PDB file of N, CA and C in Angstrom:
ATOM      1  N   MET A   1       0.816  -1.190   0.000  1.00  0.00           N
ATOM      2  CA  MET A   1       0.000   0.000   0.000  1.00  0.00           C
ATOM      3  C   MET A   1       0.865   1.261   0.000  1.00  0.00           C
ATOM      4  N   LYS A   2       1.988   1.213   0.750  1.00  0.00           N
ATOM      5  CA  LYS A   2       2.868   2.371   0.799  1.00  0.00           C
ATOM      6  C   LYS A   2       3.488   2.657  -0.561  1.00  0.00           C
ATOM      7  N   SER A   3       3.842   1.603  -1.296  1.00  0.00           N
ATOM      8  CA  SER A   3       4.444   1.824  -2.609  1.00  0.00           C
ATOM      9  C   SER A   3       3.430   2.438  -3.570  1.00  0.00           C
ATOM     10  N   ARG A   4       2.163   2.069  -3.424  1.00  0.00           N
ATOM     11  CA  ARG A   4       1.125   2.649  -4.283  1.00  0.00           C
ATOM     12  C   ARG A   4       0.972   4.140  -3.991  1.00  0.00           C
ATOM     13  N   THR A   5       1.011   4.513  -2.732  1.00  0.00           N
ATOM     14  CA  THR A   5       0.929   5.918  -2.346  1.00  0.00           C
ATOM     15  C   THR A   5       2.144   6.687  -2.853  1.00  0.00           C
ATOM     16  N   LEU A   6       3.307   6.063  -2.752  1.00  0.00           N
ATOM     17  CA  LEU A   6       4.530   6.699  -3.232  1.00  0.00           C
ATOM     18  C   LEU A   6       4.450   6.947  -4.733  1.00  0.00           C
ATOM     19  N   TRP A   7       4.019   5.930  -5.492  1.00  0.00           N
ATOM     20  CA  TRP A   7       3.912   6.092  -6.949  1.00  0.00           C
ATOM     21  C   TRP A   7       2.851   7.123  -7.315  1.00  0.00           C
ATOM     22  N   SER A   8       1.778   7.192  -6.551  1.00  0.00           N
ATOM     23  CA  SER A   8       0.741   8.200  -6.794  1.00  0.00           C
ATOM     24  C   SER A   8       1.301   9.602  -6.570  1.00  0.00           C
ATOM     25  N   ALA A   9       2.097   9.761  -5.526  1.00  0.00           N
ATOM     26  CA  ALA A   9       2.708  11.058  -5.244  1.00  0.00           C
ATOM     27  C   ALA A   9       3.687  11.452  -6.342  1.00  0.00           C
ATOM     28  N   ILE A  10       4.476  10.498  -6.815  1.00  0.00           N
ATOM     29  CA  ILE A  10       5.428  10.778  -7.899  1.00  0.00           C
ATOM     30  C   ILE A  10       4.681  11.165  -9.166  1.00  0.00           C
ATOM     31  N   ALA A  11       3.606  10.450  -9.482  1.00  0.00           N
ATOM     32  CA  ALA A  11       2.810  10.767 -10.673  1.00  0.00           C
ATOM     33  C   ALA A  11       2.192  12.155 -10.556  1.00  0.00           C
ATOM     34  N   PHE A  12       1.690  12.507  -9.378  1.00  0.00           N
ATOM     35  CA  PHE A  12       1.098  13.822  -9.170  1.00  0.00           C
ATOM     36  C   PHE A  12       2.133  14.927  -9.380  1.00  0.00           C
ATOM     37  N   ILE A  13       3.314  14.754  -8.846  1.00  0.00           N
ATOM     38  CA  ILE A  13       4.377  15.752  -9.004  1.00  0.00           C
ATOM     39  C   ILE A  13       4.769  15.881 -10.471  1.00  0.00           C
ATOM     40  N   ALA A  14       4.868  14.758 -11.174  1.00  0.00           N
ATOM     41  CA  ALA A  14       5.233  14.791 -12.591  1.00  0.00           C
ATOM     42  C   ALA A  14       4.182  15.528 -13.410  1.00  0.00           C
ATOM     43  N   ILE A  15       2.912  15.291 -13.116  1.00  0.00           N
ATOM     44  CA  ILE A  15       1.831  15.968 -13.841  1.00  0.00           C
ATOM     45  C   ILE A  15       1.805  17.449 -13.497  1.00  0.00           C
ATOM     46  N   ALA A  16       2.058  17.794 -12.250  1.00  0.00           N
ATOM     47  CA  ALA A  16       2.057  19.193 -11.838  1.00  0.00           C
ATOM     48  C   ALA A  16       3.193  19.970 -12.493  1.00  0.00           C
ATOM     49  N   CYS A  17       4.317  19.321 -12.742  1.00  0.00           N
ATOM     50  CA  CYS A  17       5.463  19.989 -13.352  1.00  0.00           C
ATOM     51  C   CYS A  17       5.379  20.028 -14.875  1.00  0.00           C
ATOM     52  N   ALA A  18       4.535  19.235 -15.487  1.00  0.00           N
ATOM     53  CA  ALA A  18       4.461  19.129 -16.944  1.00  0.00           C
ATOM     54  C   ALA A  18       4.122  20.445 -17.635  1.00  0.00           C
ATOM     55  N   PRO A  19       3.134  21.235 -17.203  1.00  0.00           N
ATOM     56  CA  PRO A  19       2.829  22.470 -17.923  1.00  0.00           C
ATOM     57  C   PRO A  19       3.996  23.452 -17.955  1.00  0.00           C
ATOM     58  N   ALA A  20       4.798  23.493 -16.931  1.00  0.00           N
ATOM     59  CA  ALA A  20       5.939  24.407 -16.916  1.00  0.00           C
ATOM     60  C   ALA A  20       6.949  24.025 -17.984  1.00  0.00           C
ATOM     61  N   SER A  21       7.196  22.750 -18.160  1.00  0.00           N
ATOM     62  CA  SER A  21       8.155  22.335 -19.173  1.00  0.00           C
ATOM     63  C   SER A  21       7.560  22.419 -20.567  1.00  0.00           C
ATOM     64  N   ALA A  22       6.252  22.313 -20.716  1.00  0.00           N
ATOM     65  CA  ALA A  22       5.615  22.391 -22.025  1.00  0.00           C
ATOM     66  C   ALA A  22       5.639  23.809 -22.566  1.00  0.00           C
ATOM     67  N   GLN A  23       5.806  24.798 -21.716  1.00  0.00           N
ATOM     68  CA  GLN A  23       5.799  26.177 -22.158  1.00  0.00           C
ATOM     69  C   GLN A  23       7.176  26.687 -22.541  1.00  0.00           C
ATOM     70  N   GLN A  24       8.177  25.827 -22.512  1.00  0.00           N
ATOM     71  CA  GLN A  24       9.508  26.257 -22.895  1.00  0.00           C
ATOM     72  C   GLN A  24       9.537  26.510 -24.388  1.00  0.00           C
ATOM     73  N   PRO A  25      10.316  27.486 -24.861  1.00  0.00           N
ATOM     74  CA  PRO A  25      10.361  27.797 -26.280  1.00  0.00           C
ATOM     75  C   PRO A  25      10.901  26.639 -27.106  1.00  0.00           C
ATOM     76  N   SER A  26      10.470  26.591 -28.357  1.00  0.00           N
ATOM     77  CA  SER A  26      10.915  25.527 -29.254  1.00  0.00           C
ATOM     78  C   SER A  26      12.299  25.833 -29.798  1.00  0.00           C
ATOM     79  N   GLU A  27      12.762  24.946 -30.674  1.00  0.00           N
ATOM     80  CA  GLU A  27      14.115  25.069 -31.216  1.00  0.00           C
ATOM     81  C   GLU A  27      14.328  26.404 -31.926  1.00  0.00           C
ATOM     82  N   GLY A  28      13.376  26.827 -32.719  1.00  0.00           N
ATOM     83  CA  GLY A  28      13.521  28.065 -33.466  1.00  0.00           C
ATOM     84  C   GLY A  28      13.491  29.290 -32.579  1.00  0.00           C
ATOM     85  N   ASP A  29      12.790  29.216 -31.458  1.00  0.00           N
ATOM     86  CA  ASP A  29      12.654  30.361 -30.579  1.00  0.00           C
ATOM     87  C   ASP A  29      13.862  30.564 -29.681  1.00  0.00           C
ATOM     88  N   LYS A  30      14.504  29.465 -29.333  1.00  0.00           N
ATOM     89  CA  LYS A  30      15.583  29.576 -28.355  1.00  0.00           C
ATOM     90  C   LYS A  30      16.861  28.995 -28.932  1.00  0.00           C
ATOM     91  N   SER A  31      17.817  29.826 -29.149  1.00  0.00           N
ATOM     92  CA  SER A  31      19.128  29.328 -29.537  1.00  0.00           C
ATOM     93  C   SER A  31      20.170  30.236 -28.903  1.00  0.00           C
ATOM     94  N   GLU A  32      21.165  29.627 -28.371  1.00  0.00           N
ATOM     95  CA  GLU A  32      22.233  30.387 -27.749  1.00  0.00           C
ATOM     96  C   GLU A  32      23.253  30.736 -28.816  1.00  0.00           C
ATOM     97  N   GLU A  33      23.845  31.894 -28.686  1.00  0.00           N
ATOM     98  CA  GLU A  33      24.803  32.334 -29.680  1.00  0.00           C
ATOM     99  C   GLU A  33      26.083  32.767 -28.981  1.00  0.00           C
ATOM    100  N   ALA A  34      27.180  32.185 -29.400  1.00  0.00           N
ATOM    101  CA  ALA A  34      28.484  32.555 -28.859  1.00  0.00           C
ATOM    102  C   ALA A  34      29.336  33.069 -30.010  1.00  0.00           C
ATOM    103  N   VAL A  35      30.043  34.137 -29.783  1.00  0.00           N
ATOM    104  CA  VAL A  35      30.847  34.735 -30.837  1.00  0.00           C
ATOM    105  C   VAL A  35      32.315  34.556 -30.496  1.00  0.00           C
ATOM    106  N   GLU A  36      33.055  33.989 -31.448  1.00  0.00           N
ATOM    107  CA  GLU A  36      34.498  33.846 -31.293  1.00  0.00           C
ATOM    108  C   GLU A  36      35.149  34.823 -32.268  1.00  0.00           C
ATOM    109  N   THR A  37      35.928  35.732 -31.744  1.00  0.00           N
ATOM    110  CA  THR A  37      36.539  36.727 -32.614  1.00  0.00           C
ATOM    111  C   THR A  37      38.049  36.677 -32.496  1.00  0.00           C
ATOM    112  N   THR A  38      38.674  37.046 -33.585  1.00  0.00           N
ATOM    113  CA  THR A  38      40.119  37.252 -33.571  1.00  0.00           C
ATOM    114  C   THR A  38      40.335  38.686 -34.008  1.00  0.00           C
ATOM    115  N   GLY A  39      41.292  39.333 -33.431  1.00  0.00           N
ATOM    116  CA  GLY A  39      41.497  40.754 -33.603  1.00  0.00           C
ATOM    117  C   GLY A  39      41.523  41.288 -35.018  1.00  0.00           C
ATOM    118  N   GLU A  40      42.183  40.625 -35.967  1.00  0.00           N
ATOM    119  CA  GLU A  40      42.395  41.216 -37.274  1.00  0.00           C
ATOM    120  C   GLU A  40      41.408  40.752 -38.342  1.00  0.00           C
ATOM    121  N   LYS A  41      40.496  39.872 -38.026  1.00  0.00           N
ATOM    122  CA  LYS A  41      39.527  39.409 -39.014  1.00  0.00           C
ATOM    123  C   LYS A  41      38.478  40.486 -39.263  1.00  0.00           C
ATOM    124  N   SER A  42      37.958  40.504 -40.491  1.00  0.00           N
ATOM    125  CA  SER A  42      36.885  41.443 -40.780  1.00  0.00           C
ATOM    126  C   SER A  42      35.606  40.952 -40.122  1.00  0.00           C
ATOM    127  N   ASN A  43      34.615  41.792 -40.087  1.00  0.00           N
ATOM    128  CA  ASN A  43      33.358  41.474 -39.434  1.00  0.00           C
ATOM    129  C   ASN A  43      32.662  40.284 -40.090  1.00  0.00           C
ATOM    130  N   LEU A  44      32.776  40.118 -41.409  1.00  0.00           N
ATOM    131  CA  LEU A  44      32.110  39.022 -42.111  1.00  0.00           C
ATOM    132  C   LEU A  44      32.805  37.685 -41.896  1.00  0.00           C
ATOM    133  N   ASP A  45      34.075  37.697 -41.499  1.00  0.00           N
ATOM    134  CA  ASP A  45      34.804  36.460 -41.264  1.00  0.00           C
ATOM    135  C   ASP A  45      34.771  36.027 -39.794  1.00  0.00           C
ATOM    136  N   GLU A  46      34.013  36.727 -39.007  1.00  0.00           N
ATOM    137  CA  GLU A  46      33.873  36.414 -37.591  1.00  0.00           C
ATOM    138  C   GLU A  46      33.104  35.095 -37.444  1.00  0.00           C
ATOM    139  N   VAL A  47      33.605  34.187 -36.625  1.00  0.00           N
ATOM    140  CA  VAL A  47      32.970  32.885 -36.424  1.00  0.00           C
ATOM    141  C   VAL A  47      31.917  33.003 -35.329  1.00  0.00           C
ATOM    142  N   ILE A  48      30.715  32.532 -35.650  1.00  0.00           N
ATOM    143  CA  ILE A  48      29.606  32.566 -34.705  1.00  0.00           C
ATOM    144  C   ILE A  48      29.121  31.138 -34.506  1.00  0.00           C
ATOM    145  N   CYS A  49      29.065  30.704 -33.253  1.00  0.00           N
ATOM    146  CA  CYS A  49      28.590  29.359 -32.932  1.00  0.00           C
ATOM    147  C   CYS A  49      27.203  29.474 -32.317  1.00  0.00           C
ATOM    148  N   ARG A  50      26.271  28.688 -32.841  1.00  0.00           N
ATOM    149  CA  ARG A  50      24.908  28.676 -32.329  1.00  0.00           C
ATOM    150  C   ARG A  50      24.571  27.279 -31.844  1.00  0.00           C
ATOM    151  N   THR A  51      23.987  27.220 -30.666  1.00  0.00           N
ATOM    152  CA  THR A  51      23.566  25.954 -30.083  1.00  0.00           C
ATOM    153  C   THR A  51      22.051  25.922 -30.103  1.00  0.00           C
ATOM    154  N   SER A  52      21.486  24.843 -30.625  1.00  0.00           N
ATOM    155  CA  SER A  52      20.032  24.726 -30.671  1.00  0.00           C
ATOM    156  C   SER A  52      19.612  23.374 -30.120  1.00  0.00           C
ATOM    157  N   LYS A  53      18.442  23.352 -29.530  1.00  0.00           N
ATOM    158  CA  LYS A  53      17.909  22.117 -28.961  1.00  0.00           C
ATOM    159  C   LYS A  53      17.157  21.358 -30.040  1.00  0.00           C
ATOM    160  N   ALA A  54      17.272  20.042 -29.985  1.00  0.00           N
ATOM    161  CA  ALA A  54      16.551  19.187 -30.923  1.00  0.00           C
ATOM    162  C   ALA A  54      15.078  19.151 -30.532  1.00  0.00           C
ATOM    163  N   THR A  55      14.212  19.170 -31.521  1.00  0.00           N
ATOM    164  CA  THR A  55      12.782  19.114 -31.263  1.00  0.00           C
ATOM    165  C   THR A  55      12.419  17.770 -30.645  1.00  0.00           C
ATOM    166  N   GLY A  56      11.665  17.814 -29.570  1.00  0.00           N
ATOM    167  CA  GLY A  56      11.227  16.592 -28.913  1.00  0.00           C
ATOM    168  C   GLY A  56      12.205  16.043 -27.897  1.00  0.00           C
ATOM    169  N   SER A  57      13.264  16.773 -27.614  1.00  0.00           N
ATOM    170  CA  SER A  57      14.244  16.300 -26.648  1.00  0.00           C
ATOM    171  C   SER A  57      14.611  17.435 -25.705  1.00  0.00           C
ATOM    172  N   ARG A  58      14.754  17.100 -24.456  1.00  0.00           N
ATOM    173  CA  ARG A  58      15.162  18.111 -23.475  1.00  0.00           C
ATOM    174  C   ARG A  58      16.669  18.130 -23.297  1.00  0.00           C
ATOM    175  N   VAL A  59      17.332  17.105 -23.796  1.00  0.00           N
ATOM    176  CA  VAL A  59      18.753  16.945 -23.543  1.00  0.00           C
ATOM    177  C   VAL A  59      19.595  17.190 -24.792  1.00  0.00           C
ATOM    178  N   ARG A  60      19.197  16.650 -25.917  1.00  0.00           N
ATOM    179  CA  ARG A  60      20.009  16.684 -27.131  1.00  0.00           C
ATOM    180  C   ARG A  60      20.118  18.103 -27.693  1.00  0.00           C
ATOM    181  N   THR A  61      21.345  18.535 -27.919  1.00  0.00           N
ATOM    182  CA  THR A  61      21.604  19.829 -28.538  1.00  0.00           C
ATOM    183  C   THR A  61      22.575  19.643 -29.687  1.00  0.00           C
ATOM    184  N   SER A  62      22.572  20.612 -30.580  1.00  0.00           N
ATOM    185  CA  SER A  62      23.549  20.589 -31.660  1.00  0.00           C
ATOM    186  C   SER A  62      24.197  21.967 -31.740  1.00  0.00           C
ATOM    187  N   LYS A  63      25.462  21.978 -32.078  1.00  0.00           N
ATOM    188  CA  LYS A  63      26.223  23.218 -32.144  1.00  0.00           C
ATOM    189  C   LYS A  63      26.765  23.372 -33.552  1.00  0.00           C
ATOM    190  N   ARG A  64      26.507  24.528 -34.158  1.00  0.00           N
ATOM    191  CA  ARG A  64      27.001  24.811 -35.504  1.00  0.00           C
ATOM    192  C   ARG A  64      27.811  26.096 -35.455  1.00  0.00           C
ATOM    193  N   CYS A  65      28.996  26.052 -36.026  1.00  0.00           N
ATOM    194  CA  CYS A  65      29.862  27.223 -36.081  1.00  0.00           C
ATOM    195  C   CYS A  65      30.076  27.587 -37.547  1.00  0.00           C
ATOM    196  N   LEU A  66      29.661  28.786 -37.915  1.00  0.00           N
ATOM    197  CA  LEU A  66      29.842  29.307 -39.267  1.00  0.00           C
ATOM    198  C   LEU A  66      30.302  30.752 -39.159  1.00  0.00           C
ATOM    199  N   THR A  67      30.831  31.271 -40.253  1.00  0.00           N
ATOM    200  CA  THR A  67      31.194  32.684 -40.265  1.00  0.00           C
ATOM    201  C   THR A  67      29.927  33.511 -40.411  1.00  0.00           C
ATOM    202  N   ARG A  68      30.041  34.785 -40.101  1.00  0.00           N
ATOM    203  CA  ARG A  68      28.892  35.682 -40.234  1.00  0.00           C
ATOM    204  C   ARG A  68      28.386  35.678 -41.679  1.00  0.00           C
ATOM    205  N   ARG A  69      29.284  35.626 -42.622  1.00  0.00           N
ATOM    206  CA  ARG A  69      28.917  35.592 -44.045  1.00  0.00           C
ATOM    207  C   ARG A  69      28.112  34.326 -44.360  1.00  0.00           C
ATOM    208  N   GLN A  70      28.537  33.173 -43.838  1.00  0.00           N
ATOM    209  CA  GLN A  70      27.830  31.919 -44.088  1.00  0.00           C
ATOM    210  C   GLN A  70      26.445  31.916 -43.440  1.00  0.00           C
ATOM    211  N   TRP A  71      26.332  32.491 -42.232  1.00  0.00           N
ATOM    212  CA  TRP A  71      25.020  32.583 -41.597  1.00  0.00           C
ATOM    213  C   TRP A  71      24.091  33.462 -42.429  1.00  0.00           C
ATOM    214  N   THR A  72      24.620  34.557 -42.992  1.00  0.00           N
ATOM    215  CA  THR A  72      23.811  35.458 -43.813  1.00  0.00           C
ATOM    216  C   THR A  72      23.321  34.753 -45.067  1.00  0.00           C
ATOM    217  N   VAL A  73      24.212  33.995 -45.720  1.00  0.00           N
ATOM    218  CA  VAL A  73      23.834  33.255 -46.928  1.00  0.00           C
ATOM    219  C   VAL A  73      22.764  32.215 -46.593  1.00  0.00           C
ATOM    220  N   GLU A  74      22.943  31.505 -45.493  1.00  0.00           N
ATOM    221  CA  GLU A  74      21.968  30.485 -45.099  1.00  0.00           C
ATOM    222  C   GLU A  74      20.616  31.107 -44.779  1.00  0.00           C
ATOM    223  N   GLN A  75      20.628  32.248 -44.094  1.00  0.00           N
ATOM    224  CA  GLN A  75      19.383  32.925 -43.757  1.00  0.00           C
ATOM    225  C   GLN A  75      18.666  33.396 -45.024  1.00  0.00           C
ATOM    226  N   ALA A  76      19.419  33.921 -45.990  1.00  0.00           N
ATOM    227  CA  ALA A  76      18.818  34.360 -47.250  1.00  0.00           C
ATOM    228  C   ALA A  76      18.220  33.176 -48.013  1.00  0.00           C
ATOM    229  N   GLN A  77      18.922  32.051 -48.032  1.00  0.00           N
ATOM    230  CA  GLN A  77      18.412  30.851 -48.708  1.00  0.00           C
ATOM    231  C   GLN A  77      17.136  30.349 -48.034  1.00  0.00           C
ATOM    232  N   ASN A  78      17.120  30.331 -46.716  1.00  0.00           N
ATOM    233  CA  ASN A  78      15.918  29.913 -45.988  1.00  0.00           C
ATOM    234  C   ASN A  78      14.746  30.842 -46.285  1.00  0.00           C
ATOM    235  N   ARG A  79      15.017  32.138 -46.346  1.00  0.00           N
ATOM    236  CA  ARG A  79      13.971  33.116 -46.647  1.00  0.00           C
ATOM    237  C   ARG A  79      13.408  32.883 -48.048  1.00  0.00           C
ATOM    238  N   ARG A  80      14.296  32.617 -49.032  1.00  0.00           N
ATOM    239  CA  ARG A  80      13.843  32.339 -50.401  1.00  0.00           C
ATOM    240  C   ARG A  80      12.986  31.080 -50.444  1.00  0.00           C
ATOM    241  N   ASP A  81      13.403  30.045 -49.725  1.00  0.00           N
ATOM    242  CA  ASP A  81      12.637  28.796 -49.698  1.00  0.00           C
ATOM    243  C   ASP A  81      11.248  29.008 -49.097  1.00  0.00           C
ATOM    244  N   ILE A  82      11.174  29.782 -48.030  1.00  0.00           N
ATOM    245  CA  ILE A  82       9.883  30.062 -47.391  1.00  0.00           C
ATOM    246  C   ILE A  82       8.997  30.873 -48.323  1.00  0.00           C
ATOM    247  N   ASP A  83       9.553  31.911 -48.946  1.00  0.00           N
ATOM    248  CA  ASP A  83       8.777  32.727 -49.881  1.00  0.00           C
ATOM    249  C   ASP A  83       8.263  31.893 -51.045  1.00  0.00           C
ATOM    250  N   ARG A  84       9.114  31.024 -51.576  1.00  0.00           N
ATOM    251  CA  ARG A  84       8.721  30.165 -52.693  1.00  0.00           C
ATOM    252  C   ARG A  84       7.594  29.227 -52.275  1.00  0.00           C
ATOM    253  N   ALA A  85       7.689  28.661 -51.082  1.00  0.00           N
ATOM    254  CA  ALA A  85       6.651  27.749 -50.599  1.00  0.00           C
ATOM    255  C   ALA A  85       5.332  28.479 -50.366  1.00  0.00           C
ATOM    256  N   GLN A  86       5.397  29.713 -49.873  1.00  0.00           N
ATOM    257  CA  GLN A  86       4.175  30.460 -49.597  1.00  0.00           C
ATOM    258  C   GLN A  86       3.498  30.942 -50.874  1.00  0.00           C
ATOM    259  N   THR A  87       4.279  31.321 -51.878  1.00  0.00           N
ATOM    260  CA  THR A  87       3.672  31.803 -53.123  1.00  0.00           C
ATOM    261  C   THR A  87       3.134  30.663 -53.969  1.00  0.00           C
ATOM    262  N   SER A  88       3.696  29.465 -53.834  1.00  0.00           N
ATOM    263  CA  SER A  88       3.209  28.342 -54.629  1.00  0.00           C
ATOM    264  C   SER A  88       2.097  27.579 -53.925  1.00  0.00           C
ATOM    265  N   ARG A  89       1.726  27.997 -52.745  1.00  0.00           N
ATOM    266  CA  ARG A  89       0.667  27.322 -51.993  1.00  0.00           C
ATOM    267  C   ARG A  89      -0.658  27.473 -52.743  1.00  0.00           C
ATOM    268  N   GLY A  90      -1.339  26.376 -52.917  1.00  0.00           N
ATOM    269  CA  GLY A  90      -2.640  26.422 -53.565  1.00  0.00           C
ATOM    270  C   GLY A  90      -2.582  26.301 -55.075  1.00  0.00           C
ATOM    271  N   THR A  91      -1.401  26.270 -55.653  1.00  0.00           N
ATOM    272  CA  THR A  91      -1.284  26.097 -57.100  1.00  0.00           C
ATOM    273  C   THR A  91      -0.763  24.706 -57.380  1.00  0.00           C
ATOM    274  N   SER A  92      -1.138  24.165 -58.513  1.00  0.00           N
ATOM    275  CA  SER A  92      -0.639  22.840 -58.880  1.00  0.00           C
ATOM    276  C   SER A  92       0.181  22.948 -60.148  1.00  0.00           C
ATOM    277  N   ASP A  93       1.216  22.157 -60.218  1.00  0.00           N
ATOM    278  CA  ASP A  93       2.089  22.177 -61.393  1.00  0.00           C
ATOM    279  C   ASP A  93       1.744  21.063 -62.336  1.00  0.00           C
TER     280      ASP A  93
END
């Protein structure tokens, strides 16, 4: 009987804590950014490392280090892909 009460208490605590963890930002909303600079490099050659959490995991993270120029190119490509997907929505080829 005591073990049943103990498990009930553990389940109650887990359920009570669940909404707080469910409200944490997703991968796109939360990413840490660390900047590594060397004195003589230009601003576009500055290395920026971003850490992002994997969707569906509280533990797994990935770290990507690119130059500022590479991040800009990637962001522009992502923007083009999104625009293309939004403008082609509802049309068939």
